[in-house]
PDB file of all heavy atoms in Angstrom:
ATOM      1  N   ASN A   1     128.087  75.399 214.686  1.00  0.00           N
ATOM      2  CA  ASN A   1     128.338  75.331 213.260  1.00  0.00           C
ATOM      3  C   ASN A   1     127.011  75.634 212.591  1.00  0.00           C
ATOM      4  O   ASN A   1     126.067  76.094 213.117  1.00  0.00           O
ATOM      5  CB  ASN A   1     128.812  73.931 212.841  1.00  0.00           C
ATOM      6  CG  ASN A   1     127.807  72.783 213.008  1.00  0.00           C
ATOM      7  OD1 ASN A   1     126.644  73.074 213.507  1.00  0.00           O
ATOM      8  ND2 ASN A   1     128.091  71.645 212.448  1.00  0.00           N
ATOM      9  N   GLU A   2     127.042  75.373 211.217  1.00  0.00           N
ATOM     10  CA  GLU A   2     125.797  75.822 210.466  1.00  0.00           C
ATOM     11  C   GLU A   2     124.543  75.135 210.850  1.00  0.00           C
ATOM     12  O   GLU A   2     123.456  75.655 210.699  1.00  0.00           O
ATOM     13  CB  GLU A   2     126.156  75.551 208.978  1.00  0.00           C
ATOM     14  CG  GLU A   2     127.254  76.352 208.404  1.00  0.00           C
ATOM     15  CD  GLU A   2     127.637  75.904 206.935  1.00  0.00           C
ATOM     16  OE1 GLU A   2     126.989  74.988 206.473  1.00  0.00           O
ATOM     17  OE2 GLU A   2     128.446  76.614 206.429  1.00  0.00           O
ATOM     18  N   SER A   3     124.676  73.958 211.393  1.00  0.00           N
ATOM     19  CA  SER A   3     123.414  73.125 211.753  1.00  0.00           C
ATOM     20  C   SER A   3     123.113  73.180 213.273  1.00  0.00           C
ATOM     21  O   SER A   3     122.118  72.572 213.640  1.00  0.00           O
ATOM     22  CB  SER A   3     123.663  71.681 211.292  1.00  0.00           C
ATOM     23  OG  SER A   3     124.735  71.107 211.921  1.00  0.00           O
ATOM     24  N   GLY A   4     123.956  73.832 214.041  1.00  0.00           N
ATOM     25  CA  GLY A   4     123.653  73.936 215.476  1.00  0.00           C
ATOM     26  C   GLY A   4     124.899  73.834 216.307  1.00  0.00           C
ATOM     27  O   GLY A   4     125.859  74.514 215.982  1.00  0.00           O
ATOM     28  N   TRP A   5     124.864  73.012 217.281  1.00  0.00           N
ATOM     29  CA  TRP A   5     125.960  72.892 218.215  1.00  0.00           C
ATOM     30  C   TRP A   5     126.580  71.464 218.101  1.00  0.00           C
ATOM     31  O   TRP A   5     125.848  70.463 218.106  1.00  0.00           O
ATOM     32  CB  TRP A   5     125.561  73.147 219.597  1.00  0.00           C
ATOM     33  CG  TRP A   5     125.120  74.608 219.882  1.00  0.00           C
ATOM     34  CD1 TRP A   5     123.913  75.144 219.768  1.00  0.00           C
ATOM     35  CD2 TRP A   5     126.055  75.625 220.254  1.00  0.00           C
ATOM     36  NE1 TRP A   5     123.958  76.472 220.046  1.00  0.00           N
ATOM     37  CE2 TRP A   5     125.238  76.848 220.375  1.00  0.00           C
ATOM     38  CE3 TRP A   5     127.431  75.770 220.437  1.00  0.00           C
ATOM     39  CZ2 TRP A   5     125.830  78.099 220.661  1.00  0.00           C
ATOM     40  CZ3 TRP A   5     127.960  76.995 220.716  1.00  0.00           C
ATOM     41  CH2 TRP A   5     127.168  78.098 220.911  1.00  0.00           C
ATOM     42  N   LEU A   6     127.900  71.345 218.080  1.00  0.00           N
ATOM     43  CA  LEU A   6     128.635  70.131 218.022  1.00  0.00           C
ATOM     44  C   LEU A   6     129.404  69.974 219.364  1.00  0.00           C
ATOM     45  O   LEU A   6     130.126  70.809 219.806  1.00  0.00           O
ATOM     46  CB  LEU A   6     129.539  70.063 216.890  1.00  0.00           C
ATOM     47  CG  LEU A   6     128.996  70.067 215.475  1.00  0.00           C
ATOM     48  CD1 LEU A   6     130.161  69.976 214.484  1.00  0.00           C
ATOM     49  CD2 LEU A   6     128.099  68.819 215.275  1.00  0.00           C
ATOM     50  N   THR A   7     129.270  68.809 219.942  1.00  0.00           N
ATOM     51  CA  THR A   7     129.918  68.561 221.211  1.00  0.00           C
ATOM     52  C   THR A   7     131.381  68.156 220.960  1.00  0.00           C
ATOM     53  O   THR A   7     131.675  67.237 220.202  1.00  0.00           O
ATOM     54  CB  THR A   7     129.280  67.407 222.031  1.00  0.00           C
ATOM     55  OG1 THR A   7     127.903  67.830 222.359  1.00  0.00           O
ATOM     56  CG2 THR A   7     129.957  67.112 223.316  1.00  0.00           C
ATOM     57  N   ALA A   8     132.313  69.032 221.464  1.00  0.00           N
ATOM     58  CA  ALA A   8     133.756  68.727 221.170  1.00  0.00           C
ATOM     59  C   ALA A   8     134.341  67.865 222.306  1.00  0.00           C
ATOM     60  O   ALA A   8     135.199  67.006 221.993  1.00  0.00           O
ATOM     61  CB  ALA A   8     134.516  70.031 221.173  1.00  0.00           C
ATOM     62  N   ILE A   9     134.053  68.075 223.535  1.00  0.00           N
ATOM     63  CA  ILE A   9     134.406  67.211 224.682  1.00  0.00           C
ATOM     64  C   ILE A   9     133.263  67.060 225.523  1.00  0.00           C
ATOM     65  O   ILE A   9     132.321  67.866 225.648  1.00  0.00           O
ATOM     66  CB  ILE A   9     135.619  67.806 225.480  1.00  0.00           C
ATOM     67  CG1 ILE A   9     135.259  69.094 226.082  1.00  0.00           C
ATOM     68  CG2 ILE A   9     136.868  67.925 224.598  1.00  0.00           C
ATOM     69  CD1 ILE A   9     136.347  69.646 227.070  1.00  0.00           C
ATOM     70  N   GLU A  10     133.169  65.853 226.189  1.00  0.00           N
ATOM     71  CA  GLU A  10     132.024  65.444 226.954  1.00  0.00           C
ATOM     72  C   GLU A  10     132.379  64.814 228.264  1.00  0.00           C
ATOM     73  O   GLU A  10     133.110  63.847 228.239  1.00  0.00           O
ATOM     74  CB  GLU A  10     131.127  64.529 226.132  1.00  0.00           C
ATOM     75  CG  GLU A  10     129.809  64.135 226.794  1.00  0.00           C
ATOM     76  CD  GLU A  10     128.996  63.271 225.906  1.00  0.00           C
ATOM     77  OE1 GLU A  10     129.404  62.934 224.750  1.00  0.00           O
ATOM     78  OE2 GLU A  10     127.798  62.967 226.252  1.00  0.00           O
ATOM     79  N   ASN A  11     131.917  65.383 229.375  1.00  0.00           N
ATOM     80  CA  ASN A  11     132.055  64.871 230.701  1.00  0.00           C
ATOM     81  C   ASN A  11     133.518  64.556 231.041  1.00  0.00           C
ATOM     82  O   ASN A  11     133.829  63.460 231.540  1.00  0.00           O
ATOM     83  CB  ASN A  11     131.242  63.603 230.864  1.00  0.00           C
ATOM     84  CG  ASN A  11     129.717  63.898 230.724  1.00  0.00           C
ATOM     85  OD1 ASN A  11     129.262  64.998 231.060  1.00  0.00           O
ATOM     86  ND2 ASN A  11     128.890  62.938 230.246  1.00  0.00           N
ATOM     87  N   VAL A  12     134.350  65.474 230.804  1.00  0.00           N
ATOM     88  CA  VAL A  12     135.785  65.320 231.087  1.00  0.00           C
ATOM     89  C   VAL A  12     136.081  65.716 232.505  1.00  0.00           C
ATOM     90  O   VAL A  12     135.740  66.774 232.941  1.00  0.00           O
ATOM     91  CB  VAL A  12     136.732  66.147 230.108  1.00  0.00           C
ATOM     92  CG1 VAL A  12     138.141  66.153 230.545  1.00  0.00           C
ATOM     93  CG2 VAL A  12     136.581  65.574 228.734  1.00  0.00           C
ATOM     94  N   SER A  13     136.712  64.811 233.266  1.00  0.00           N
ATOM     95  CA  SER A  13     137.062  65.081 234.672  1.00  0.00           C
ATOM     96  C   SER A  13     138.523  64.674 234.933  1.00  0.00           C
ATOM     97  O   SER A  13     138.956  63.700 234.419  1.00  0.00           O
ATOM     98  CB  SER A  13     136.154  64.299 235.628  1.00  0.00           C
ATOM     99  OG  SER A  13     134.771  64.673 235.461  1.00  0.00           O
ATOM    100  N   PHE A  14     139.217  65.557 235.722  1.00  0.00           N
ATOM    101  CA  PHE A  14     140.590  65.192 236.159  1.00  0.00           C
ATOM    102  C   PHE A  14     141.010  66.228 237.228  1.00  0.00           C
ATOM    103  O   PHE A  14     140.446  67.314 237.275  1.00  0.00           O
ATOM    104  CB  PHE A  14     141.556  65.142 235.008  1.00  0.00           C
ATOM    105  CG  PHE A  14     141.763  66.464 234.265  1.00  0.00           C
ATOM    106  CD1 PHE A  14     142.759  67.323 234.628  1.00  0.00           C
ATOM    107  CD2 PHE A  14     140.964  66.774 233.186  1.00  0.00           C
ATOM    108  CE1 PHE A  14     142.914  68.601 233.977  1.00  0.00           C
ATOM    109  CE2 PHE A  14     141.117  67.983 232.483  1.00  0.00           C
ATOM    110  CZ  PHE A  14     142.075  68.889 232.843  1.00  0.00           C
ATOM    111  N   ASP A  15     142.038  65.874 237.983  1.00  0.00           N
ATOM    112  CA  ASP A  15     142.642  66.781 238.935  1.00  0.00           C
ATOM    113  C   ASP A  15     144.157  66.998 238.589  1.00  0.00           C
ATOM    114  O   ASP A  15     144.747  66.125 237.971  1.00  0.00           O
ATOM    115  CB  ASP A  15     142.593  66.271 240.302  1.00  0.00           C
ATOM    116  CG  ASP A  15     141.086  66.242 240.847  1.00  0.00           C
ATOM    117  OD1 ASP A  15     140.293  67.027 240.418  1.00  0.00           O
ATOM    118  OD2 ASP A  15     140.790  65.367 241.721  1.00  0.00           O
ATOM    119  N   VAL A  16     144.629  68.108 239.016  1.00  0.00           N
ATOM    120  CA  VAL A  16     146.131  68.396 238.946  1.00  0.00           C
ATOM    121  C   VAL A  16     146.507  68.779 240.397  1.00  0.00           C
ATOM    122  O   VAL A  16     146.025  69.866 240.825  1.00  0.00           O
ATOM    123  CB  VAL A  16     146.454  69.424 237.891  1.00  0.00           C
ATOM    124  CG1 VAL A  16     147.966  69.558 237.850  1.00  0.00           C
ATOM    125  CG2 VAL A  16     145.968  69.058 236.487  1.00  0.00           C
ATOM    126  N   ALA A  17     147.420  68.036 240.881  1.00  0.00           N
ATOM    127  CA  ALA A  17     147.914  68.415 242.250  1.00  0.00           C
ATOM    128  C   ALA A  17     149.041  69.446 242.096  1.00  0.00           C
ATOM    129  O   ALA A  17     149.559  69.721 241.114  1.00  0.00           O
ATOM    130  CB  ALA A  17     148.538  67.175 242.938  1.00  0.00           C
ATOM    131  N   ALA A  18     149.287  70.164 243.239  1.00  0.00           N
ATOM    132  CA  ALA A  18     150.378  71.125 243.293  1.00  0.00           C
ATOM    133  C   ALA A  18     151.715  70.391 242.901  1.00  0.00           C
ATOM    134  O   ALA A  18     151.945  69.324 243.362  1.00  0.00           O
ATOM    135  CB  ALA A  18     150.473  71.730 244.664  1.00  0.00           C
ATOM    136  N   ARG A  19     152.437  71.024 242.051  1.00  0.00           N
ATOM    137  CA  ARG A  19     153.782  70.589 241.643  1.00  0.00           C
ATOM    138  C   ARG A  19     153.753  69.240 240.829  1.00  0.00           C
ATOM    139  O   ARG A  19     154.772  68.608 240.595  1.00  0.00           O
ATOM    140  CB  ARG A  19     154.720  70.423 242.843  1.00  0.00           C
ATOM    141  CG  ARG A  19     155.028  71.704 243.532  1.00  0.00           C
ATOM    142  CD  ARG A  19     155.799  71.538 244.785  1.00  0.00           C
ATOM    143  NE  ARG A  19     154.888  70.829 245.814  1.00  0.00           N
ATOM    144  CZ  ARG A  19     153.970  71.336 246.560  1.00  0.00           C
ATOM    145  NH1 ARG A  19     153.669  72.641 246.429  1.00  0.00           N
ATOM    146  NH2 ARG A  19     153.359  70.528 247.382  1.00  0.00           N
ATOM    147  N   GLU A  20     152.488  68.831 240.394  1.00  0.00           N
ATOM    148  CA  GLU A  20     152.419  67.581 239.624  1.00  0.00           C
ATOM    149  C   GLU A  20     152.532  67.899 238.163  1.00  0.00           C
ATOM    150  O   GLU A  20     152.277  69.027 237.638  1.00  0.00           O
ATOM    151  CB  GLU A  20     151.045  66.974 239.816  1.00  0.00           C
ATOM    152  CG  GLU A  20     150.904  65.642 239.063  1.00  0.00           C
ATOM    153  CD  GLU A  20     149.467  65.082 239.250  1.00  0.00           C
ATOM    154  OE1 GLU A  20     148.530  65.821 239.606  1.00  0.00           O
ATOM    155  OE2 GLU A  20     149.279  63.873 238.994  1.00  0.00           O
ATOM    156  N   ALA A  21     153.025  66.905 237.381  1.00  0.00           N
ATOM    157  CA  ALA A  21     153.106  66.972 235.942  1.00  0.00           C
ATOM    158  C   ALA A  21     152.095  65.922 235.363  1.00  0.00           C
ATOM    159  O   ALA A  21     152.170  64.688 235.561  1.00  0.00           O
ATOM    160  CB  ALA A  21     154.450  66.642 235.395  1.00  0.00           C
ATOM    161  N   LEU A  22     150.977  66.459 234.711  1.00  0.00           N
ATOM    162  CA  LEU A  22     149.928  65.609 234.102  1.00  0.00           C
ATOM    163  C   LEU A  22     150.053  65.677 232.602  1.00  0.00           C
ATOM    164  O   LEU A  22     150.211  66.742 232.000  1.00  0.00           O
ATOM    165  CB  LEU A  22     148.552  66.154 234.485  1.00  0.00           C
ATOM    166  CG  LEU A  22     147.405  65.454 233.838  1.00  0.00           C
ATOM    167  CD1 LEU A  22     147.161  64.035 234.398  1.00  0.00           C
ATOM    168  CD2 LEU A  22     146.080  66.257 234.011  1.00  0.00           C
ATOM    169  N   GLY A  23     150.039  64.595 231.958  1.00  0.00           N
ATOM    170  CA  GLY A  23     150.134  64.403 230.540  1.00  0.00           C
ATOM    171  C   GLY A  23     148.711  64.150 229.978  1.00  0.00           C
ATOM    172  O   GLY A  23     147.982  63.347 230.552  1.00  0.00           O
ATOM    173  N   ILE A  24     148.383  64.963 228.868  1.00  0.00           N
ATOM    174  CA  ILE A  24     147.151  64.583 228.094  1.00  0.00           C
ATOM    175  C   ILE A  24     147.516  64.141 226.721  1.00  0.00           C
ATOM    176  O   ILE A  24     148.181  64.965 226.021  1.00  0.00           O
ATOM    177  CB  ILE A  24     146.153  65.848 228.157  1.00  0.00           C
ATOM    178  CG1 ILE A  24     145.828  66.244 229.547  1.00  0.00           C
ATOM    179  CG2 ILE A  24     144.865  65.509 227.393  1.00  0.00           C
ATOM    180  CD1 ILE A  24     144.888  67.460 229.603  1.00  0.00           C
ATOM    181  N   VAL A  25     147.064  63.003 226.318  1.00  0.00           N
ATOM    182  CA  VAL A  25     147.558  62.495 225.067  1.00  0.00           C
ATOM    183  C   VAL A  25     146.371  61.987 224.202  1.00  0.00           C
ATOM    184  O   VAL A  25     145.328  61.586 224.714  1.00  0.00           O
ATOM    185  CB  VAL A  25     148.539  61.291 225.339  1.00  0.00           C
ATOM    186  CG1 VAL A  25     147.821  60.079 225.964  1.00  0.00           C
ATOM    187  CG2 VAL A  25     149.243  60.903 224.047  1.00  0.00           C
ATOM    188  N   GLY A  26     146.526  62.040 222.912  1.00  0.00           N
ATOM    189  CA  GLY A  26     145.515  61.573 221.995  1.00  0.00           C
ATOM    190  C   GLY A  26     145.845  62.145 220.591  1.00  0.00           C
ATOM    191  O   GLY A  26     146.577  63.010 220.420  1.00  0.00           O
ATOM    192  N   GLU A  27     145.129  61.550 219.557  1.00  0.00           N
ATOM    193  CA  GLU A  27     145.310  61.968 218.219  1.00  0.00           C
ATOM    194  C   GLU A  27     144.713  63.401 218.104  1.00  0.00           C
ATOM    195  O   GLU A  27     143.997  63.928 218.916  1.00  0.00           O
ATOM    196  CB  GLU A  27     144.615  61.045 217.229  1.00  0.00           C
ATOM    197  CG  GLU A  27     145.169  59.640 217.214  1.00  0.00           C
ATOM    198  CD  GLU A  27     144.200  58.687 216.438  1.00  0.00           C
ATOM    199  OE1 GLU A  27     143.294  58.246 217.068  1.00  0.00           O
ATOM    200  OE2 GLU A  27     144.445  58.535 215.198  1.00  0.00           O
ATOM    201  N   SER A  28     145.074  64.044 216.918  1.00  0.00           N
ATOM    202  CA  SER A  28     144.521  65.279 216.612  1.00  0.00           C
ATOM    203  C   SER A  28     142.990  65.121 216.478  1.00  0.00           C
ATOM    204  O   SER A  28     142.507  64.124 215.894  1.00  0.00           O
ATOM    205  CB  SER A  28     144.972  65.853 215.229  1.00  0.00           C
ATOM    206  OG  SER A  28     146.358  66.086 215.335  1.00  0.00           O
ATOM    207  N   GLY A  29     142.204  65.998 217.126  1.00  0.00           N
ATOM    208  CA  GLY A  29     140.763  65.896 217.153  1.00  0.00           C
ATOM    209  C   GLY A  29     140.198  65.208 218.331  1.00  0.00           C
ATOM    210  O   GLY A  29     138.998  65.023 218.494  1.00  0.00           O
ATOM    211  N   SER A  30     141.103  64.743 219.257  1.00  0.00           N
ATOM    212  CA  SER A  30     140.560  63.976 220.412  1.00  0.00           C
ATOM    213  C   SER A  30     140.061  64.884 221.518  1.00  0.00           C
ATOM    214  O   SER A  30     139.394  64.402 222.492  1.00  0.00           O
ATOM    215  CB  SER A  30     141.681  63.143 221.001  1.00  0.00           C
ATOM    216  OG  SER A  30     142.820  63.960 221.412  1.00  0.00           O
ATOM    217  N   GLY A  31     140.337  66.199 221.458  1.00  0.00           N
ATOM    218  CA  GLY A  31     139.769  67.167 222.410  1.00  0.00           C
ATOM    219  C   GLY A  31     140.901  67.714 223.479  1.00  0.00           C
ATOM    220  O   GLY A  31     140.435  68.445 224.335  1.00  0.00           O
ATOM    221  N   LYS A  32     142.097  67.355 223.244  1.00  0.00           N
ATOM    222  CA  LYS A  32     143.185  67.819 224.141  1.00  0.00           C
ATOM    223  C   LYS A  32     143.259  69.394 224.229  1.00  0.00           C
ATOM    224  O   LYS A  32     143.199  69.882 225.328  1.00  0.00           O
ATOM    225  CB  LYS A  32     144.565  67.283 223.725  1.00  0.00           C
ATOM    226  CG  LYS A  32     144.625  65.795 223.381  1.00  0.00           C
ATOM    227  CD  LYS A  32     145.968  65.354 223.034  1.00  0.00           C
ATOM    228  CE  LYS A  32     146.594  66.079 221.835  1.00  0.00           C
ATOM    229  NZ  LYS A  32     145.770  65.884 220.565  1.00  0.00           N
ATOM    230  N   SER A  33     143.391  69.985 223.056  1.00  0.00           N
ATOM    231  CA  SER A  33     143.564  71.419 223.074  1.00  0.00           C
ATOM    232  C   SER A  33     142.270  72.166 223.436  1.00  0.00           C
ATOM    233  O   SER A  33     142.325  73.174 224.109  1.00  0.00           O
ATOM    234  CB  SER A  33     143.991  71.901 221.690  1.00  0.00           C
ATOM    235  OG  SER A  33     145.291  71.459 221.342  1.00  0.00           O
ATOM    236  N   VAL A  34     141.123  71.592 223.155  1.00  0.00           N
ATOM    237  CA  VAL A  34     139.878  72.220 223.581  1.00  0.00           C
ATOM    238  C   VAL A  34     139.813  72.230 224.994  1.00  0.00           C
ATOM    239  O   VAL A  34     139.362  73.212 225.696  1.00  0.00           O
ATOM    240  CB  VAL A  34     138.696  71.401 222.975  1.00  0.00           C
ATOM    241  CG1 VAL A  34     137.365  71.930 223.585  1.00  0.00           C
ATOM    242  CG2 VAL A  34     138.667  71.552 221.483  1.00  0.00           C
ATOM    243  N   THR A  35     140.203  71.092 225.693  1.00  0.00           N
ATOM    244  CA  THR A  35     140.214  71.035 227.144  1.00  0.00           C
ATOM    245  C   THR A  35     141.125  72.096 227.740  1.00  0.00           C
ATOM    246  O   THR A  35     140.732  72.831 228.704  1.00  0.00           O
ATOM    247  CB  THR A  35     140.692  69.637 227.638  1.00  0.00           C
ATOM    248  OG1 THR A  35     139.788  68.639 227.057  1.00  0.00           O
ATOM    249  CG2 THR A  35     140.711  69.496 229.181  1.00  0.00           C
ATOM    250  N   ALA A  36     142.365  72.230 227.140  1.00  0.00           N
ATOM    251  CA  ALA A  36     143.297  73.200 227.668  1.00  0.00           C
ATOM    252  C   ALA A  36     142.730  74.671 227.518  1.00  0.00           C
ATOM    253  O   ALA A  36     142.752  75.475 228.427  1.00  0.00           O
ATOM    254  CB  ALA A  36     144.631  73.055 226.931  1.00  0.00           C
ATOM    255  N   LEU A  37     142.257  75.029 226.332  1.00  0.00           N
ATOM    256  CA  LEU A  37     141.701  76.319 226.131  1.00  0.00           C
ATOM    257  C   LEU A  37     140.526  76.604 227.048  1.00  0.00           C
ATOM    258  O   LEU A  37     140.281  77.816 227.465  1.00  0.00           O
ATOM    259  CB  LEU A  37     141.328  76.523 224.676  1.00  0.00           C
ATOM    260  CG  LEU A  37     142.424  76.455 223.647  1.00  0.00           C
ATOM    261  CD1 LEU A  37     141.883  76.430 222.208  1.00  0.00           C
ATOM    262  CD2 LEU A  37     143.296  77.693 223.787  1.00  0.00           C
ATOM    263  N   SER A  38     139.740  75.606 227.375  1.00  0.00           N
ATOM    264  CA  SER A  38     138.572  75.824 228.202  1.00  0.00           C
ATOM    265  C   SER A  38     139.009  76.171 229.625  1.00  0.00           C
ATOM    266  O   SER A  38     138.203  76.937 230.283  1.00  0.00           O
ATOM    267  CB  SER A  38     137.703  74.568 228.310  1.00  0.00           C
ATOM    268  OG  SER A  38     137.239  74.245 226.946  1.00  0.00           O
ATOM    269  N   ILE A  39     140.097  75.722 230.113  1.00  0.00           N
ATOM    270  CA  ILE A  39     140.567  76.062 231.464  1.00  0.00           C
ATOM    271  C   ILE A  39     140.682  77.566 231.619  1.00  0.00           C
ATOM    272  O   ILE A  39     140.278  78.109 232.686  1.00  0.00           O
ATOM    273  CB  ILE A  39     141.876  75.313 231.728  1.00  0.00           C
ATOM    274  CG1 ILE A  39     141.667  73.781 231.855  1.00  0.00           C
ATOM    275  CG2 ILE A  39     142.515  75.842 233.094  1.00  0.00           C
ATOM    276  CD1 ILE A  39     142.975  73.006 231.897  1.00  0.00           C
ATOM    277  N   LEU A  40     141.201  78.220 230.585  1.00  0.00           N
ATOM    278  CA  LEU A  40     141.421  79.657 230.695  1.00  0.00           C
ATOM    279  C   LEU A  40     140.304  80.433 229.905  1.00  0.00           C
ATOM    280  O   LEU A  40     140.414  81.642 229.640  1.00  0.00           O
ATOM    281  CB  LEU A  40     142.807  80.031 230.145  1.00  0.00           C
ATOM    282  CG  LEU A  40     143.939  79.617 231.059  1.00  0.00           C
ATOM    283  CD1 LEU A  40     145.345  79.945 230.341  1.00  0.00           C
ATOM    284  CD2 LEU A  40     143.857  80.461 232.360  1.00  0.00           C
ATOM    285  N   ARG A  41     139.227  79.760 229.492  1.00  0.00           N
ATOM    286  CA  ARG A  41     138.143  80.330 228.734  1.00  0.00           C
ATOM    287  C   ARG A  41     138.719  81.193 227.596  1.00  0.00           C
ATOM    288  O   ARG A  41     138.352  82.348 227.392  1.00  0.00           O
ATOM    289  CB  ARG A  41     137.334  81.213 229.673  1.00  0.00           C
ATOM    290  CG  ARG A  41     136.464  80.337 230.653  1.00  0.00           C
ATOM    291  CD  ARG A  41     135.901  81.084 231.761  1.00  0.00           C
ATOM    292  NE  ARG A  41     135.150  82.356 231.421  1.00  0.00           N
ATOM    293  CZ  ARG A  41     134.698  83.196 232.323  1.00  0.00           C
ATOM    294  NH1 ARG A  41     134.850  82.987 233.653  1.00  0.00           N
ATOM    295  NH2 ARG A  41     134.103  84.311 231.979  1.00  0.00           N
ATOM    296  N   LEU A  42     139.494  80.534 226.711  1.00  0.00           N
ATOM    297  CA  LEU A  42     140.099  81.293 225.628  1.00  0.00           C
ATOM    298  C   LEU A  42     139.381  81.001 224.316  1.00  0.00           C
ATOM    299  O   LEU A  42     139.812  81.504 223.264  1.00  0.00           O
ATOM    300  CB  LEU A  42     141.516  80.850 225.474  1.00  0.00           C
ATOM    301  CG  LEU A  42     142.504  81.271 226.524  1.00  0.00           C
ATOM    302  CD1 LEU A  42     143.851  80.737 226.427  1.00  0.00           C
ATOM    303  CD2 LEU A  42     142.574  82.832 226.481  1.00  0.00           C
ATOM    304  N   HIS A  43     138.212  80.346 224.331  1.00  0.00           N
ATOM    305  CA  HIS A  43     137.491  80.182 223.110  1.00  0.00           C
ATOM    306  C   HIS A  43     136.863  81.487 222.723  1.00  0.00           C
ATOM    307  O   HIS A  43     136.544  82.389 223.476  1.00  0.00           O
ATOM    308  CB  HIS A  43     136.438  79.107 223.309  1.00  0.00           C
ATOM    309  CG  HIS A  43     136.974  77.766 223.604  1.00  0.00           C
ATOM    310  ND1 HIS A  43     137.828  77.083 222.751  1.00  0.00           N
ATOM    311  CD2 HIS A  43     136.848  76.995 224.739  1.00  0.00           C
ATOM    312  CE1 HIS A  43     138.191  75.969 223.300  1.00  0.00           C
ATOM    313  NE2 HIS A  43     137.601  75.850 224.521  1.00  0.00           N
ATOM    314  N   THR A  44     136.514  81.538 221.357  1.00  0.00           N
ATOM    315  CA  THR A  44     135.786  82.788 220.838  1.00  0.00           C
ATOM    316  C   THR A  44     134.404  82.900 221.418  1.00  0.00           C
ATOM    317  O   THR A  44     133.634  81.920 221.236  1.00  0.00           O
ATOM    318  CB  THR A  44     135.814  82.675 219.371  1.00  0.00           C
ATOM    319  OG1 THR A  44     137.093  82.511 218.856  1.00  0.00           O
ATOM    320  CG2 THR A  44     135.238  83.988 218.699  1.00  0.00           C
TER     321      THR A  44
END
């Protein structure tokens, strides 16, 4: 941002097994979508 770098998610760890359904829950701004986009490196 204008003043430098802002940490959006910090030290997030989890596994997903084959054929498993994992839910990620939280309010808007909790870091859910950032985590998902990071998996596929879809950030700008």
